[in-house]
Amino acid sequence: MKGPQDYLTETDGAVEAHIRARIAAAFPEDSFLGEETGGNAGDVVWVVDPIDGTANFARGIPHFCIAIALVANGETQLGGTINPVLAETYLARLGRGASRNGVPIRVAPTSEISATSFELGWSTRSVLADYIAAHTALVVAGSNVRRASSGALALCYVADGRSDGYAELLMNPWDCLGGLLMVREAGGVTCGFLSGGGLDDGGAVLAATPAVAAILSQATGIALFEGRDRRP
């Protein structure tokens, strides 16, 4: 345990070491920022979560993933998220769309709150009362609210139309950069994570299908962002 409800396995370190070595061999001039071994966020940086959903992985629950993003020219250029158990690979490239296993994906067309399924992430780093208030507001409004313990996959599911929105009051960049790009490339809307300094300090995350995004934003207090999400 790295802390309360913060799991770490030997596999996390081994996966990150493998990815770091492969990226260094292919792109030796690029910088690297990983959850387990840190690094620095240079002008071109690969941001890696070796296992998102480690608590699920450690208990044999097949809902976890490897998440990788590339930030260059101030924007997230590439995102890749893989669930190895289900053999599902999500990929996105700035301006080129998003896909699952090579098939283009789009956010859900949901427009009625009574038909929505949102997911809310939680961690010990955020204020419990704020999480409970957001959860309560969404349930009272008529939504179904889930928590599956992998924010990176949750964002992919928004992009893939499996969920109508995801929000978390505080996330690290390795958990969300690729997924936020996927949602935008799949026609969804998001918060401004990079523009708010999220690459260096983390920040709040929101992503949703457009017709119901305002409801999720109001419940969580996380503002939607118009325009291109760029690093300051």
C-alpha atoms as a PDB file:
ATOM      1  CA  MET A   1       0.000   0.000   0.000  1.00  0.00           C
ATOM      2  CA  LYS A   2       1.313   3.455  -0.938  1.00  0.00           C
ATOM      3  CA  GLY A   3      -1.389   4.943   1.295  1.00  0.00           C
ATOM      4  CA  PRO A   4      -5.035   4.424   2.283  1.00  0.00           C
ATOM      5  CA  GLN A   5      -6.863   2.714  -0.608  1.00  0.00           C
ATOM      6  CA  ASP A   6      -3.780   3.225  -2.803  1.00  0.00           C
ATOM      7  CA  TYR A   7      -2.524  -0.146  -3.992  1.00  0.00           C
ATOM      8  CA  LEU A   8       0.858  -0.993  -5.482  1.00  0.00           C
ATOM      9  CA  THR A   9       2.012  -4.329  -6.936  1.00  0.00           C
ATOM     10  CA  GLU A  10       5.329  -5.538  -8.308  1.00  0.00           C
ATOM     11  CA  THR A  11       3.662  -5.611 -11.716  1.00  0.00           C
ATOM     12  CA  ASP A  12       3.133  -1.832 -11.692  1.00  0.00           C
ATOM     13  CA  GLY A  13       6.865  -1.236 -11.486  1.00  0.00           C
ATOM     14  CA  ALA A  14       7.715  -3.926 -14.032  1.00  0.00           C
ATOM     15  CA  VAL A  15       5.242  -2.606 -16.592  1.00  0.00           C
ATOM     16  CA  GLU A  16       6.442   0.972 -16.201  1.00  0.00           C
ATOM     17  CA  ALA A  17      10.095  -0.090 -16.532  1.00  0.00           C
ATOM     18  CA  HIS A  18       9.245  -1.979 -19.735  1.00  0.00           C
ATOM     19  CA  ILE A  19       7.346   0.958 -21.263  1.00  0.00           C
ATOM     20  CA  ARG A  20      10.010   3.460 -20.237  1.00  0.00           C
ATOM     21  CA  ALA A  21      12.744   1.347 -21.846  1.00  0.00           C
ATOM     22  CA  ARG A  22      10.820   0.887 -25.104  1.00  0.00           C
ATOM     23  CA  ILE A  23      10.041   4.610 -25.391  1.00  0.00           C
ATOM     24  CA  ALA A  24      13.637   5.561 -24.589  1.00  0.00           C
ATOM     25  CA  ALA A  25      14.878   3.234 -27.323  1.00  0.00           C
ATOM     26  CA  ALA A  26      12.465   4.575 -29.934  1.00  0.00           C
ATOM     27  CA  PHE A  27      12.394   8.262 -28.934  1.00  0.00           C
ATOM     28  CA  PRO A  28      15.575   8.978 -26.951  1.00  0.00           C
ATOM     29  CA  GLU A  29      15.119  12.761 -26.996  1.00  0.00           C
ATOM     30  CA  ASP A  30      11.613  12.686 -25.498  1.00  0.00           C
ATOM     31  CA  SER A  31      10.954  13.039 -21.763  1.00  0.00           C
ATOM     32  CA  PHE A  32       9.000  10.578 -19.635  1.00  0.00           C
ATOM     33  CA  LEU A  33       6.590  10.991 -16.732  1.00  0.00           C
ATOM     34  CA  GLY A  34       5.350   7.832 -15.024  1.00  0.00           C
ATOM     35  CA  GLU A  35       3.167   7.203 -11.998  1.00  0.00           C
ATOM     36  CA  GLU A  36       5.653   4.947 -10.264  1.00  0.00           C
ATOM     37  CA  THR A  37       9.063   6.350 -11.203  1.00  0.00           C
ATOM     38  CA  GLY A  38       8.256   9.983 -11.908  1.00  0.00           C
ATOM     39  CA  GLY A  39      10.261  11.938 -14.464  1.00  0.00           C
ATOM     40  CA  ASN A  40       9.923  15.359 -15.981  1.00  0.00           C
ATOM     41  CA  ALA A  41       7.396  16.985 -18.272  1.00  0.00           C
ATOM     42  CA  GLY A  42       9.505  18.455 -21.053  1.00  0.00           C
ATOM     43  CA  ASP A  43       8.263  19.965 -24.286  1.00  0.00           C
ATOM     44  CA  VAL A  44       7.647  16.442 -25.608  1.00  0.00           C
ATOM     45  CA  VAL A  45       6.642  14.021 -22.868  1.00  0.00           C
ATOM     46  CA  TRP A  46       5.206  10.517 -22.681  1.00  0.00           C
ATOM     47  CA  VAL A  47       2.867  10.253 -19.693  1.00  0.00           C
ATOM     48  CA  VAL A  48       2.312   6.700 -18.450  1.00  0.00           C
ATOM     49  CA  ASP A  49       0.161   4.865 -15.938  1.00  0.00           C
ATOM     50  CA  PRO A  50       1.423   1.259 -15.963  1.00  0.00           C
ATOM     51  CA  ILE A  51      -1.744  -0.072 -14.318  1.00  0.00           C
ATOM     52  CA  ASP A  52      -4.778   2.100 -13.727  1.00  0.00           C
ATOM     53  CA  GLY A  53      -7.181   0.221 -11.506  1.00  0.00           C
ATOM     54  CA  THR A  54      -4.485  -1.538  -9.478  1.00  0.00           C
ATOM     55  CA  ALA A  55      -6.966  -2.354  -6.715  1.00  0.00           C
ATOM     56  CA  ASN A  56      -9.024  -4.294  -9.272  1.00  0.00           C
ATOM     57  CA  PHE A  57      -5.916  -5.946 -10.733  1.00  0.00           C
ATOM     58  CA  ALA A  58      -4.685  -7.023  -7.292  1.00  0.00           C
ATOM     59  CA  ARG A  59      -8.023  -8.699  -6.527  1.00  0.00           C
ATOM     60  CA  GLY A  60      -8.477 -10.398  -9.879  1.00  0.00           C
ATOM     61  CA  ILE A  61     -11.169  -8.062 -11.225  1.00  0.00           C
ATOM     62  CA  PRO A  62     -10.703  -7.694 -15.014  1.00  0.00           C
ATOM     63  CA  HIS A  63     -11.286  -3.930 -15.081  1.00  0.00           C
ATOM     64  CA  PHE A  64      -7.861  -2.300 -15.304  1.00  0.00           C
ATOM     65  CA  CYS A  65      -5.651  -0.916 -18.039  1.00  0.00           C
ATOM     66  CA  ILE A  66      -2.357   0.501 -19.224  1.00  0.00           C
ATOM     67  CA  ALA A  67      -2.668   4.182 -20.159  1.00  0.00           C
ATOM     68  CA  ILE A  68      -0.196   6.163 -22.272  1.00  0.00           C
ATOM     69  CA  ALA A  69      -0.394   9.718 -23.618  1.00  0.00           C
ATOM     70  CA  LEU A  70       1.955  11.936 -25.610  1.00  0.00           C
ATOM     71  CA  VAL A  71       1.973  15.684 -24.972  1.00  0.00           C
ATOM     72  CA  ALA A  72       3.783  17.882 -27.507  1.00  0.00           C
ATOM     73  CA  ASN A  73       3.349  21.437 -28.779  1.00  0.00           C
ATOM     74  CA  GLY A  74       1.349  22.127 -25.641  1.00  0.00           C
ATOM     75  CA  GLU A  75      -1.408  19.596 -26.431  1.00  0.00           C
ATOM     76  CA  THR A  76      -2.117  15.924 -26.004  1.00  0.00           C
ATOM     77  CA  GLN A  77      -1.290  14.467 -29.399  1.00  0.00           C
ATOM     78  CA  LEU A  78      -1.807  10.746 -28.794  1.00  0.00           C
ATOM     79  CA  GLY A  79      -3.655   8.576 -26.317  1.00  0.00           C
ATOM     80  CA  GLY A  80      -3.599   4.819 -25.940  1.00  0.00           C
ATOM     81  CA  THR A  81      -5.424   2.743 -23.320  1.00  0.00           C
ATOM     82  CA  ILE A  82      -5.387  -1.053 -23.264  1.00  0.00           C
ATOM     83  CA  ASN A  83      -7.428  -3.500 -21.208  1.00  0.00           C
ATOM     84  CA  PRO A  84      -5.315  -6.647 -21.706  1.00  0.00           C
ATOM     85  CA  VAL A  85      -7.904  -9.010 -20.232  1.00  0.00           C
ATOM     86  CA  LEU A  86     -10.661  -7.992 -22.663  1.00  0.00           C
ATOM     87  CA  ALA A  87      -8.154  -7.382 -25.493  1.00  0.00           C
ATOM     88  CA  GLU A  88      -9.579  -3.893 -26.029  1.00  0.00           C
ATOM     89  CA  THR A  89      -7.240  -1.188 -27.316  1.00  0.00           C
ATOM     90  CA  TYR A  90      -8.444   2.400 -27.401  1.00  0.00           C
ATOM     91  CA  LEU A  91      -6.443   4.857 -29.497  1.00  0.00           C
ATOM     92  CA  ALA A  92      -6.836   8.542 -30.302  1.00  0.00           C
ATOM     93  CA  ARG A  93      -4.820  11.074 -32.257  1.00  0.00           C
ATOM     94  CA  LEU A  94      -5.405  14.804 -32.185  1.00  0.00           C
ATOM     95  CA  GLY A  95      -7.635  15.743 -35.109  1.00  0.00           C
ATOM     96  CA  ARG A  96      -7.825  12.162 -36.361  1.00  0.00           C
ATOM     97  CA  GLY A  97     -10.575  10.601 -34.241  1.00  0.00           C
ATOM     98  CA  ALA A  98     -10.704   7.756 -31.726  1.00  0.00           C
ATOM     99  CA  SER A  99     -11.139   4.007 -32.073  1.00  0.00           C
ATOM    100  CA  ARG A 100     -11.517   0.712 -30.241  1.00  0.00           C
ATOM    101  CA  ASN A 101      -9.617  -2.145 -31.860  1.00  0.00           C
ATOM    102  CA  GLY A 102      -9.412  -0.133 -35.069  1.00  0.00           C
ATOM    103  CA  VAL A 103     -13.127   0.678 -35.280  1.00  0.00           C
ATOM    104  CA  PRO A 104     -14.113   4.376 -34.920  1.00  0.00           C
ATOM    105  CA  ILE A 105     -16.063   5.230 -31.774  1.00  0.00           C
ATOM    106  CA  ARG A 106     -18.481   8.021 -30.838  1.00  0.00           C
ATOM    107  CA  VAL A 107     -19.987   9.256 -27.615  1.00  0.00           C
ATOM    108  CA  ALA A 108     -23.557   8.244 -26.775  1.00  0.00           C
ATOM    109  CA  PRO A 109     -26.498  10.283 -28.109  1.00  0.00           C
ATOM    110  CA  THR A 110     -28.157  10.382 -24.675  1.00  0.00           C
ATOM    111  CA  SER A 111     -30.148  13.555 -24.074  1.00  0.00           C
ATOM    112  CA  GLU A 112     -32.503  12.737 -21.178  1.00  0.00           C
ATOM    113  CA  ILE A 113     -31.162  12.707 -17.617  1.00  0.00           C
ATOM    114  CA  SER A 114     -33.450   9.780 -16.783  1.00  0.00           C
ATOM    115  CA  ALA A 115     -31.522   7.663 -19.299  1.00  0.00           C
ATOM    116  CA  THR A 116     -28.015   8.629 -18.196  1.00  0.00           C
ATOM    117  CA  SER A 117     -25.346   6.517 -16.566  1.00  0.00           C
ATOM    118  CA  PHE A 118     -22.544   8.619 -15.134  1.00  0.00           C
ATOM    119  CA  GLU A 119     -19.423   7.470 -13.325  1.00  0.00           C
ATOM    120  CA  LEU A 120     -17.820   9.369 -10.453  1.00  0.00           C
ATOM    121  CA  GLY A 121     -14.261   8.697  -9.389  1.00  0.00           C
ATOM    122  CA  TRP A 122     -13.138   9.086  -5.802  1.00  0.00           C
ATOM    123  CA  SER A 123      -9.861   9.039  -3.926  1.00  0.00           C
ATOM    124  CA  THR A 124      -8.632   9.945  -0.472  1.00  0.00           C
ATOM    125  CA  ARG A 125      -7.062  13.096  -1.939  1.00  0.00           C
ATOM    126  CA  SER A 126     -10.450  14.697  -2.586  1.00  0.00           C
ATOM    127  CA  VAL A 127     -12.970  16.001  -0.057  1.00  0.00           C
ATOM    128  CA  LEU A 128     -15.455  13.251   0.780  1.00  0.00           C
ATOM    129  CA  ALA A 129     -18.318  15.682   1.359  1.00  0.00           C
ATOM    130  CA  ASP A 130     -17.899  17.130  -2.136  1.00  0.00           C
ATOM    131  CA  TYR A 131     -17.986  13.648  -3.684  1.00  0.00           C
ATOM    132  CA  ILE A 132     -21.105  12.697  -1.730  1.00  0.00           C
ATOM    133  CA  ALA A 133     -22.811  15.975  -2.666  1.00  0.00           C
ATOM    134  CA  ALA A 134     -22.101  15.423  -6.370  1.00  0.00           C
ATOM    135  CA  HIS A 135     -23.307  11.815  -6.166  1.00  0.00           C
ATOM    136  CA  THR A 136     -26.486  12.878  -4.403  1.00  0.00           C
ATOM    137  CA  ALA A 137     -27.207  15.652  -6.890  1.00  0.00           C
ATOM    138  CA  LEU A 138     -26.934  13.269  -9.846  1.00  0.00           C
ATOM    139  CA  VAL A 139     -29.120  10.586  -8.251  1.00  0.00           C
ATOM    140  CA  VAL A 140     -31.766  13.150  -7.303  1.00  0.00           C
ATOM    141  CA  ALA A 141     -31.708  14.461 -10.878  1.00  0.00           C
ATOM    142  CA  GLY A 142     -32.494  10.967 -12.149  1.00  0.00           C
ATOM    143  CA  SER A 143     -29.139   9.535 -13.237  1.00  0.00           C
ATOM    144  CA  ASN A 144     -27.588   6.165 -12.500  1.00  0.00           C
ATOM    145  CA  VAL A 145     -24.165   6.665 -10.868  1.00  0.00           C
ATOM    146  CA  ARG A 146     -21.379   4.082 -10.987  1.00  0.00           C
ATOM    147  CA  ARG A 147     -17.837   3.719  -9.674  1.00  0.00           C
ATOM    148  CA  ALA A 148     -15.646   1.025 -11.216  1.00  0.00           C
ATOM    149  CA  SER A 149     -12.222   2.155  -9.908  1.00  0.00           C
ATOM    150  CA  SER A 150     -10.395   2.888 -13.159  1.00  0.00           C
ATOM    151  CA  GLY A 151     -10.617   6.488 -14.277  1.00  0.00           C
ATOM    152  CA  ALA A 152      -8.643   5.843 -17.465  1.00  0.00           C
ATOM    153  CA  LEU A 153     -11.094   3.161 -18.589  1.00  0.00           C
ATOM    154  CA  ALA A 154     -14.037   5.276 -17.471  1.00  0.00           C
ATOM    155  CA  LEU A 155     -12.980   8.002 -19.904  1.00  0.00           C
ATOM    156  CA  CYS A 156     -12.654   5.441 -22.702  1.00  0.00           C
ATOM    157  CA  TYR A 157     -16.159   4.245 -21.943  1.00  0.00           C
ATOM    158  CA  VAL A 158     -17.490   7.793 -22.320  1.00  0.00           C
ATOM    159  CA  ALA A 159     -15.758   8.036 -25.706  1.00  0.00           C
ATOM    160  CA  ASP A 160     -17.201   4.646 -26.685  1.00  0.00           C
ATOM    161  CA  GLY A 161     -20.779   5.475 -25.691  1.00  0.00           C
ATOM    162  CA  ARG A 162     -20.781   2.944 -22.857  1.00  0.00           C
ATOM    163  CA  SER A 163     -21.175   5.722 -20.307  1.00  0.00           C
ATOM    164  CA  ASP A 164     -22.585   9.231 -20.589  1.00  0.00           C
ATOM    165  CA  GLY A 165     -20.022  11.040 -18.491  1.00  0.00           C
ATOM    166  CA  TYR A 166     -17.189  10.761 -16.019  1.00  0.00           C
ATOM    167  CA  ALA A 167     -15.996  13.170 -13.364  1.00  0.00           C
ATOM    168  CA  GLU A 168     -13.396  13.131 -10.612  1.00  0.00           C
ATOM    169  CA  LEU A 169     -12.481  16.018  -8.356  1.00  0.00           C
ATOM    170  CA  LEU A 170      -8.729  15.380  -8.523  1.00  0.00           C
ATOM    171  CA  MET A 171      -6.777  13.222 -10.966  1.00  0.00           C
ATOM    172  CA  ASN A 172      -3.147  12.852 -11.944  1.00  0.00           C
ATOM    173  CA  PRO A 173      -2.192  13.445 -15.592  1.00  0.00           C
ATOM    174  CA  TRP A 174      -1.223   9.820 -16.248  1.00  0.00           C
ATOM    175  CA  ASP A 175      -4.760   8.747 -15.336  1.00  0.00           C
ATOM    176  CA  CYS A 176      -6.625  10.998 -17.723  1.00  0.00           C
ATOM    177  CA  LEU A 177      -4.723  12.743 -20.536  1.00  0.00           C
ATOM    178  CA  GLY A 178      -5.235  10.042 -23.152  1.00  0.00           C
ATOM    179  CA  GLY A 179      -8.850   9.483 -22.155  1.00  0.00           C
ATOM    180  CA  LEU A 180      -9.733  13.167 -22.333  1.00  0.00           C
ATOM    181  CA  LEU A 181      -8.330  13.280 -25.864  1.00  0.00           C
ATOM    182  CA  MET A 182     -10.396  10.219 -26.784  1.00  0.00           C
ATOM    183  CA  VAL A 183     -13.601  11.812 -25.548  1.00  0.00           C
ATOM    184  CA  ARG A 184     -12.973  15.015 -27.508  1.00  0.00           C
ATOM    185  CA  GLU A 185     -12.047  13.075 -30.648  1.00  0.00           C
ATOM    186  CA  ALA A 186     -15.209  10.979 -30.252  1.00  0.00           C
ATOM    187  CA  GLY A 187     -17.441  14.063 -30.189  1.00  0.00           C
ATOM    188  CA  GLY A 188     -17.664  14.652 -26.450  1.00  0.00           C
ATOM    189  CA  VAL A 189     -16.872  17.671 -24.295  1.00  0.00           C
ATOM    190  CA  THR A 190     -14.411  17.955 -21.404  1.00  0.00           C
ATOM    191  CA  CYS A 191     -12.952  20.253 -18.814  1.00  0.00           C
ATOM    192  CA  GLY A 192      -9.719  22.131 -19.482  1.00  0.00           C
ATOM    193  CA  PHE A 193      -7.162  19.891 -17.798  1.00  0.00           C
ATOM    194  CA  LEU A 194      -3.930  21.004 -19.463  1.00  0.00           C
ATOM    195  CA  SER A 195      -4.992  24.640 -19.572  1.00  0.00           C
ATOM    196  CA  GLY A 196      -5.490  24.521 -15.810  1.00  0.00           C
ATOM    197  CA  GLY A 197      -1.971  23.260 -15.125  1.00  0.00           C
ATOM    198  CA  GLY A 198      -2.976  19.627 -14.806  1.00  0.00           C
ATOM    199  CA  LEU A 199       0.193  18.212 -16.349  1.00  0.00           C
ATOM    200  CA  ASP A 200       2.240  19.571 -13.453  1.00  0.00           C
ATOM    201  CA  ASP A 201      -0.213  19.542 -10.554  1.00  0.00           C
ATOM    202  CA  GLY A 202      -3.148  17.312 -11.490  1.00  0.00           C
ATOM    203  CA  GLY A 203      -6.667  18.658 -11.368  1.00  0.00           C
ATOM    204  CA  ALA A 204     -10.375  18.057 -11.700  1.00  0.00           C
ATOM    205  CA  VAL A 205     -11.610  15.966 -14.617  1.00  0.00           C
ATOM    206  CA  LEU A 206     -14.934  15.962 -16.451  1.00  0.00           C
ATOM    207  CA  ALA A 207     -15.883  14.389 -19.766  1.00  0.00           C
ATOM    208  CA  ALA A 208     -19.354  13.788 -21.150  1.00  0.00           C
ATOM    209  CA  THR A 209     -21.621  13.483 -24.125  1.00  0.00           C
ATOM    210  CA  PRO A 210     -22.657  17.047 -25.067  1.00  0.00           C
ATOM    211  CA  ALA A 211     -26.391  16.980 -24.365  1.00  0.00           C
ATOM    212  CA  VAL A 212     -25.995  16.052 -20.686  1.00  0.00           C
ATOM    213  CA  ALA A 213     -22.571  17.551 -19.916  1.00  0.00           C
ATOM    214  CA  ALA A 214     -24.011  20.636 -18.215  1.00  0.00           C
ATOM    215  CA  ILE A 215     -25.844  18.456 -15.692  1.00  0.00           C
ATOM    216  CA  LEU A 216     -22.620  16.704 -14.708  1.00  0.00           C
ATOM    217  CA  SER A 217     -20.777  20.017 -14.577  1.00  0.00           C
ATOM    218  CA  GLN A 218     -23.377  21.587 -12.299  1.00  0.00           C
ATOM    219  CA  ALA A 219     -23.426  18.611  -9.939  1.00  0.00           C
ATOM    220  CA  THR A 220     -19.645  18.473  -9.575  1.00  0.00           C
ATOM    221  CA  GLY A 221     -18.720  22.135  -9.892  1.00  0.00           C
ATOM    222  CA  ILE A 222     -16.201  21.274 -12.629  1.00  0.00           C
ATOM    223  CA  ALA A 223     -16.353  23.759 -15.490  1.00  0.00           C
ATOM    224  CA  LEU A 224     -16.636  22.722 -19.112  1.00  0.00           C
ATOM    225  CA  PHE A 225     -13.988  24.055 -21.481  1.00  0.00           C
ATOM    226  CA  GLU A 226     -14.409  25.407 -24.977  1.00  0.00           C
ATOM    227  CA  GLY A 227     -11.588  25.488 -27.456  1.00  0.00           C
ATOM    228  CA  ARG A 228      -8.309  23.600 -27.542  1.00  0.00           C
ATOM    229  CA  ASP A 229      -6.986  22.360 -24.204  1.00  0.00           C
ATOM    230  CA  ARG A 230      -3.392  23.581 -24.242  1.00  0.00           C
ATOM    231  CA  ARG A 231      -0.624  23.591 -21.683  1.00  0.00           C
ATOM    232  CA  PRO A 232       0.033  27.160 -20.413  1.00  0.00           C
END
